[in-house]
C-alpha atoms as a PDB file:
ATOM      1  CA  MET A   1     -27.783  16.693  40.742  1.00  0.00           C
ATOM      2  CA  ASN A   2     -25.917  18.396  37.920  1.00  0.00           C
ATOM      3  CA  GLY A   3     -22.255  18.914  37.978  1.00  0.00           C
ATOM      4  CA  ARG A   4     -19.150  16.924  38.105  1.00  0.00           C
ATOM      5  CA  TYR A   5     -18.033  15.683  41.631  1.00  0.00           C
ATOM      6  CA  ALA A   6     -14.625  14.661  42.864  1.00  0.00           C
ATOM      7  CA  ILE A   7     -13.572  12.443  45.741  1.00  0.00           C
ATOM      8  CA  VAL A   8     -10.206  12.939  46.948  1.00  0.00           C
ATOM      9  CA  VAL A   9      -8.967  10.077  49.385  1.00  0.00           C
ATOM     10  CA  GLY A  10      -5.836   9.445  51.428  1.00  0.00           C
ATOM     11  CA  ARG A  11      -4.905   5.939  50.693  1.00  0.00           C
ATOM     12  CA  PHE A  12      -2.812   5.251  53.927  1.00  0.00           C
ATOM     13  CA  TYR A  13      -5.449   2.796  55.159  1.00  0.00           C
ATOM     14  CA  GLU A  14      -6.442   1.156  51.852  1.00  0.00           C
ATOM     15  CA  ASP A  15      -9.218  -1.035  53.044  1.00  0.00           C
ATOM     16  CA  LEU A  16     -10.906   1.959  55.069  1.00  0.00           C
ATOM     17  CA  ALA A  17     -10.601   4.094  51.768  1.00  0.00           C
ATOM     18  CA  GLN A  18     -12.336   1.716  49.719  1.00  0.00           C
ATOM     19  CA  ARG A  19     -15.155   1.492  52.167  1.00  0.00           C
ATOM     20  CA  LEU A  20     -15.447   5.184  52.378  1.00  0.00           C
ATOM     21  CA  ILE A  21     -15.289   5.641  48.715  1.00  0.00           C
ATOM     22  CA  ALA A  22     -18.021   3.071  48.452  1.00  0.00           C
ATOM     23  CA  GLY A  23     -20.396   4.970  50.752  1.00  0.00           C
ATOM     24  CA  ALA A  24     -19.844   8.270  48.901  1.00  0.00           C
ATOM     25  CA  GLN A  25     -20.274   6.920  45.393  1.00  0.00           C
ATOM     26  CA  ALA A  26     -23.396   5.286  46.501  1.00  0.00           C
ATOM     27  CA  VAL A  27     -24.910   8.642  47.359  1.00  0.00           C
ATOM     28  CA  PHE A  28     -23.930  10.352  43.914  1.00  0.00           C
ATOM     29  CA  THR A  29     -25.372   7.415  42.272  1.00  0.00           C
ATOM     30  CA  GLU A  30     -28.730   7.675  44.260  1.00  0.00           C
ATOM     31  CA  ALA A  31     -28.770  11.484  43.644  1.00  0.00           C
ATOM     32  CA  GLY A  32     -28.615  10.990  39.637  1.00  0.00           C
ATOM     33  CA  ALA A  33     -25.134  12.593  39.696  1.00  0.00           C
ATOM     34  CA  GLY A  34     -23.374   9.359  38.263  1.00  0.00           C
ATOM     35  CA  GLU A  35     -19.899   8.421  39.672  1.00  0.00           C
ATOM     36  CA  ALA A  36     -17.648  10.874  41.282  1.00  0.00           C
ATOM     37  CA  ASP A  37     -14.119  10.936  39.809  1.00  0.00           C
ATOM     38  CA  VAL A  38     -11.657   9.580  42.540  1.00  0.00           C
ATOM     39  CA  PHE A  39      -8.327  11.108  42.919  1.00  0.00           C
ATOM     40  CA  ASP A  40      -5.697   9.382  45.296  1.00  0.00           C
ATOM     41  CA  VAL A  41      -3.158  11.020  47.690  1.00  0.00           C
ATOM     42  CA  PRO A  42      -0.869   9.438  50.403  1.00  0.00           C
ATOM     43  CA  GLY A  43      -2.752  10.445  53.327  1.00  0.00           C
ATOM     44  CA  ALA A  44      -4.973  12.933  55.264  1.00  0.00           C
ATOM     45  CA  PHE A  45      -2.537  15.789  55.162  1.00  0.00           C
ATOM     46  CA  GLU A  46      -2.511  15.934  51.426  1.00  0.00           C
ATOM     47  CA  LEU A  47      -6.343  16.199  51.077  1.00  0.00           C
ATOM     48  CA  PRO A  48      -6.585  20.087  51.224  1.00  0.00           C
ATOM     49  CA  MET A  49      -4.223  20.553  48.238  1.00  0.00           C
ATOM     50  CA  ALA A  50      -5.940  17.622  46.247  1.00  0.00           C
ATOM     51  CA  ALA A  51      -9.348  19.489  47.120  1.00  0.00           C
ATOM     52  CA  LYS A  52      -7.846  22.787  45.944  1.00  0.00           C
ATOM     53  CA  LEU A  53      -6.535  21.382  42.675  1.00  0.00           C
ATOM     54  CA  CYS A  54     -10.040  19.916  41.997  1.00  0.00           C
ATOM     55  CA  ALA A  55     -11.943  23.001  42.833  1.00  0.00           C
ATOM     56  CA  ASP A  56      -9.567  24.909  40.636  1.00  0.00           C
ATOM     57  CA  ALA A  57     -10.465  22.492  37.809  1.00  0.00           C
ATOM     58  CA  GLY A  58     -14.118  23.212  37.942  1.00  0.00           C
ATOM     59  CA  TYR A  59     -15.483  20.390  40.129  1.00  0.00           C
ATOM     60  CA  THR A  60     -18.951  21.253  41.685  1.00  0.00           C
ATOM     61  CA  GLY A  61     -18.199  19.553  44.878  1.00  0.00           C
ATOM     62  CA  VAL A  62     -15.403  17.692  46.335  1.00  0.00           C
ATOM     63  CA  VAL A  63     -15.624  14.993  49.060  1.00  0.00           C
ATOM     64  CA  CYS A  64     -12.322  14.525  51.112  1.00  0.00           C
ATOM     65  CA  LEU A  65     -12.030  10.947  52.622  1.00  0.00           C
ATOM     66  CA  GLY A  66      -9.340   9.097  54.728  1.00  0.00           C
ATOM     67  CA  ALA A  67      -8.469   7.914  58.256  1.00  0.00           C
ATOM     68  CA  VAL A  68      -6.222   9.070  60.998  1.00  0.00           C
ATOM     69  CA  ILE A  69      -5.858   6.598  63.674  1.00  0.00           C
ATOM     70  CA  ARG A  70      -4.302   7.889  67.072  1.00  0.00           C
ATOM     71  CA  GLY A  71      -0.725   6.465  67.579  1.00  0.00           C
ATOM     72  CA  GLU A  72       1.984   7.051  70.273  1.00  0.00           C
ATOM     73  CA  THR A  73       2.942  10.393  69.225  1.00  0.00           C
ATOM     74  CA  ASP A  74       1.156  14.050  68.659  1.00  0.00           C
ATOM     75  CA  HIS A  75       1.557  13.458  64.823  1.00  0.00           C
ATOM     76  CA  TYR A  76      -2.226  12.430  65.042  1.00  0.00           C
ATOM     77  CA  ASP A  77      -3.341  16.066  66.312  1.00  0.00           C
ATOM     78  CA  TRP A  78      -1.123  17.861  63.861  1.00  0.00           C
ATOM     79  CA  VAL A  79      -2.460  15.739  60.814  1.00  0.00           C
ATOM     80  CA  CYS A  80      -6.249  15.920  61.920  1.00  0.00           C
ATOM     81  CA  ALA A  81      -6.029  19.630  62.497  1.00  0.00           C
ATOM     82  CA  GLU A  82      -4.215  20.769  59.524  1.00  0.00           C
ATOM     83  CA  ALA A  83      -6.421  18.483  57.252  1.00  0.00           C
ATOM     84  CA  ALA A  84      -9.537  19.892  58.646  1.00  0.00           C
ATOM     85  CA  ARG A  85      -8.322  23.344  58.452  1.00  0.00           C
ATOM     86  CA  GLY A  86      -6.996  22.936  55.107  1.00  0.00           C
ATOM     87  CA  ILE A  87     -10.183  21.603  53.719  1.00  0.00           C
ATOM     88  CA  GLN A  88     -12.346  24.325  55.342  1.00  0.00           C
ATOM     89  CA  ASP A  89     -10.052  26.927  53.901  1.00  0.00           C
ATOM     90  CA  VAL A  90     -10.438  25.224  50.296  1.00  0.00           C
ATOM     91  CA  GLN A  91     -14.232  25.546  50.262  1.00  0.00           C
ATOM     92  CA  LEU A  92     -14.238  28.955  51.887  1.00  0.00           C
ATOM     93  CA  SER A  93     -11.726  30.471  49.369  1.00  0.00           C
ATOM     94  CA  THR A  94     -13.171  28.856  46.295  1.00  0.00           C
ATOM     95  CA  GLY A  95     -16.780  28.565  46.971  1.00  0.00           C
ATOM     96  CA  VAL A  96     -16.705  24.920  46.060  1.00  0.00           C
ATOM     97  CA  PRO A  97     -18.156  22.680  48.730  1.00  0.00           C
ATOM     98  CA  CYS A  98     -15.708  20.122  50.254  1.00  0.00           C
ATOM     99  CA  ALA A  99     -16.645  17.851  52.834  1.00  0.00           C
ATOM    100  CA  PHE A 100     -14.647  16.567  55.601  1.00  0.00           C
ATOM    101  CA  GLY A 101     -15.028  12.775  55.552  1.00  0.00           C
ATOM    102  CA  VAL A 102     -11.750  11.878  57.310  1.00  0.00           C
ATOM    103  CA  LEU A 103     -11.934   9.526  60.168  1.00  0.00           C
ATOM    104  CA  THR A 104     -10.276  10.907  63.281  1.00  0.00           C
ATOM    105  CA  VAL A 105     -10.276   7.872  65.690  1.00  0.00           C
ATOM    106  CA  ASP A 106      -8.316   6.210  68.469  1.00  0.00           C
ATOM    107  CA  THR A 107      -8.572   2.491  67.022  1.00  0.00           C
ATOM    108  CA  LEU A 108      -8.971   0.493  64.009  1.00  0.00           C
ATOM    109  CA  GLU A 109     -12.329  -0.955  65.236  1.00  0.00           C
ATOM    110  CA  GLN A 110     -13.527   2.610  65.723  1.00  0.00           C
ATOM    111  CA  ALA A 111     -12.562   3.282  62.071  1.00  0.00           C
ATOM    112  CA  LEU A 112     -14.235   0.247  60.694  1.00  0.00           C
ATOM    113  CA  ALA A 113     -17.498   1.134  62.543  1.00  0.00           C
ATOM    114  CA  ARG A 114     -17.555   4.493  60.989  1.00  0.00           C
ATOM    115  CA  SER A 115     -16.702   3.504  57.309  1.00  0.00           C
ATOM    116  CA  GLY A 116     -19.918   1.738  56.632  1.00  0.00           C
ATOM    117  CA  GLY A 117     -20.041  -0.479  59.664  1.00  0.00           C
ATOM    118  CA  ASP A 118     -22.356  -0.523  62.498  1.00  0.00           C
ATOM    119  CA  LYS A 119     -22.234   3.052  63.674  1.00  0.00           C
ATOM    120  CA  ARG A 120     -22.260   5.324  60.638  1.00  0.00           C
ATOM    121  CA  ASP A 121     -20.792   5.598  57.154  1.00  0.00           C
ATOM    122  CA  SER A 122     -18.855   8.789  56.946  1.00  0.00           C
ATOM    123  CA  GLY A 123     -18.137   8.480  53.238  1.00  0.00           C
ATOM    124  CA  ARG A 124     -22.045   8.528  52.667  1.00  0.00           C
ATOM    125  CA  HIS A 125     -22.319  11.457  55.166  1.00  0.00           C
ATOM    126  CA  ALA A 126     -19.591  13.486  53.510  1.00  0.00           C
ATOM    127  CA  ALA A 127     -21.264  13.126  50.048  1.00  0.00           C
ATOM    128  CA  GLU A 128     -24.560  14.029  51.372  1.00  0.00           C
ATOM    129  CA  ALA A 129     -22.921  17.215  52.880  1.00  0.00           C
ATOM    130  CA  VAL A 130     -21.395  18.159  49.527  1.00  0.00           C
ATOM    131  CA  LEU A 131     -24.859  17.654  47.635  1.00  0.00           C
ATOM    132  CA  ALA A 132     -26.625  19.775  50.439  1.00  0.00           C
ATOM    133  CA  LEU A 133     -24.296  22.620  50.187  1.00  0.00           C
ATOM    134  CA  VAL A 134     -24.351  22.645  46.337  1.00  0.00           C
ATOM    135  CA  THR A 135     -28.221  22.840  46.561  1.00  0.00           C
ATOM    136  CA  LEU A 136     -27.878  25.580  49.024  1.00  0.00           C
ATOM    137  CA  ARG A 137     -25.472  27.559  46.842  1.00  0.00           C
ATOM    138  CA  ASP A 138     -27.585  26.947  43.790  1.00  0.00           C
ATOM    139  CA  ARG A 139     -30.736  28.102  45.535  1.00  0.00           C
ATOM    140  CA  LEU A 140     -29.115  31.219  46.741  1.00  0.00           C
ATOM    141  CA  ALA A 141     -27.491  32.105  43.567  1.00  0.00           C
END
């Protein structure tokens, strides 16, 4: 896979961020793309802007990673919805594939299981999605 790839990651949950990054980086390495550049932001809400900056800077694809764990207020709903919408807006407006690898879960246990634990590896899946979209875009060009 030729090109430069970026990973933008919300660091609010640092241990989860590291696990998600590891999964995504493994995909890029296995695909022969080398390691992606990693850019940190405070949380999931900031991911769309970081993705837009990377897309505008010429990255071939952007993997957006992070975690939002439900709390006692509706803040969870706003952050999840706006992060997803913003990331989708970036890829549709720029043509640069951006994957939503943000865990949106009720508990830390669920997040651990989806960040390279027993159920799935959302970092890996997001990187695979970016590579699939880059392949499709290139094939149709």
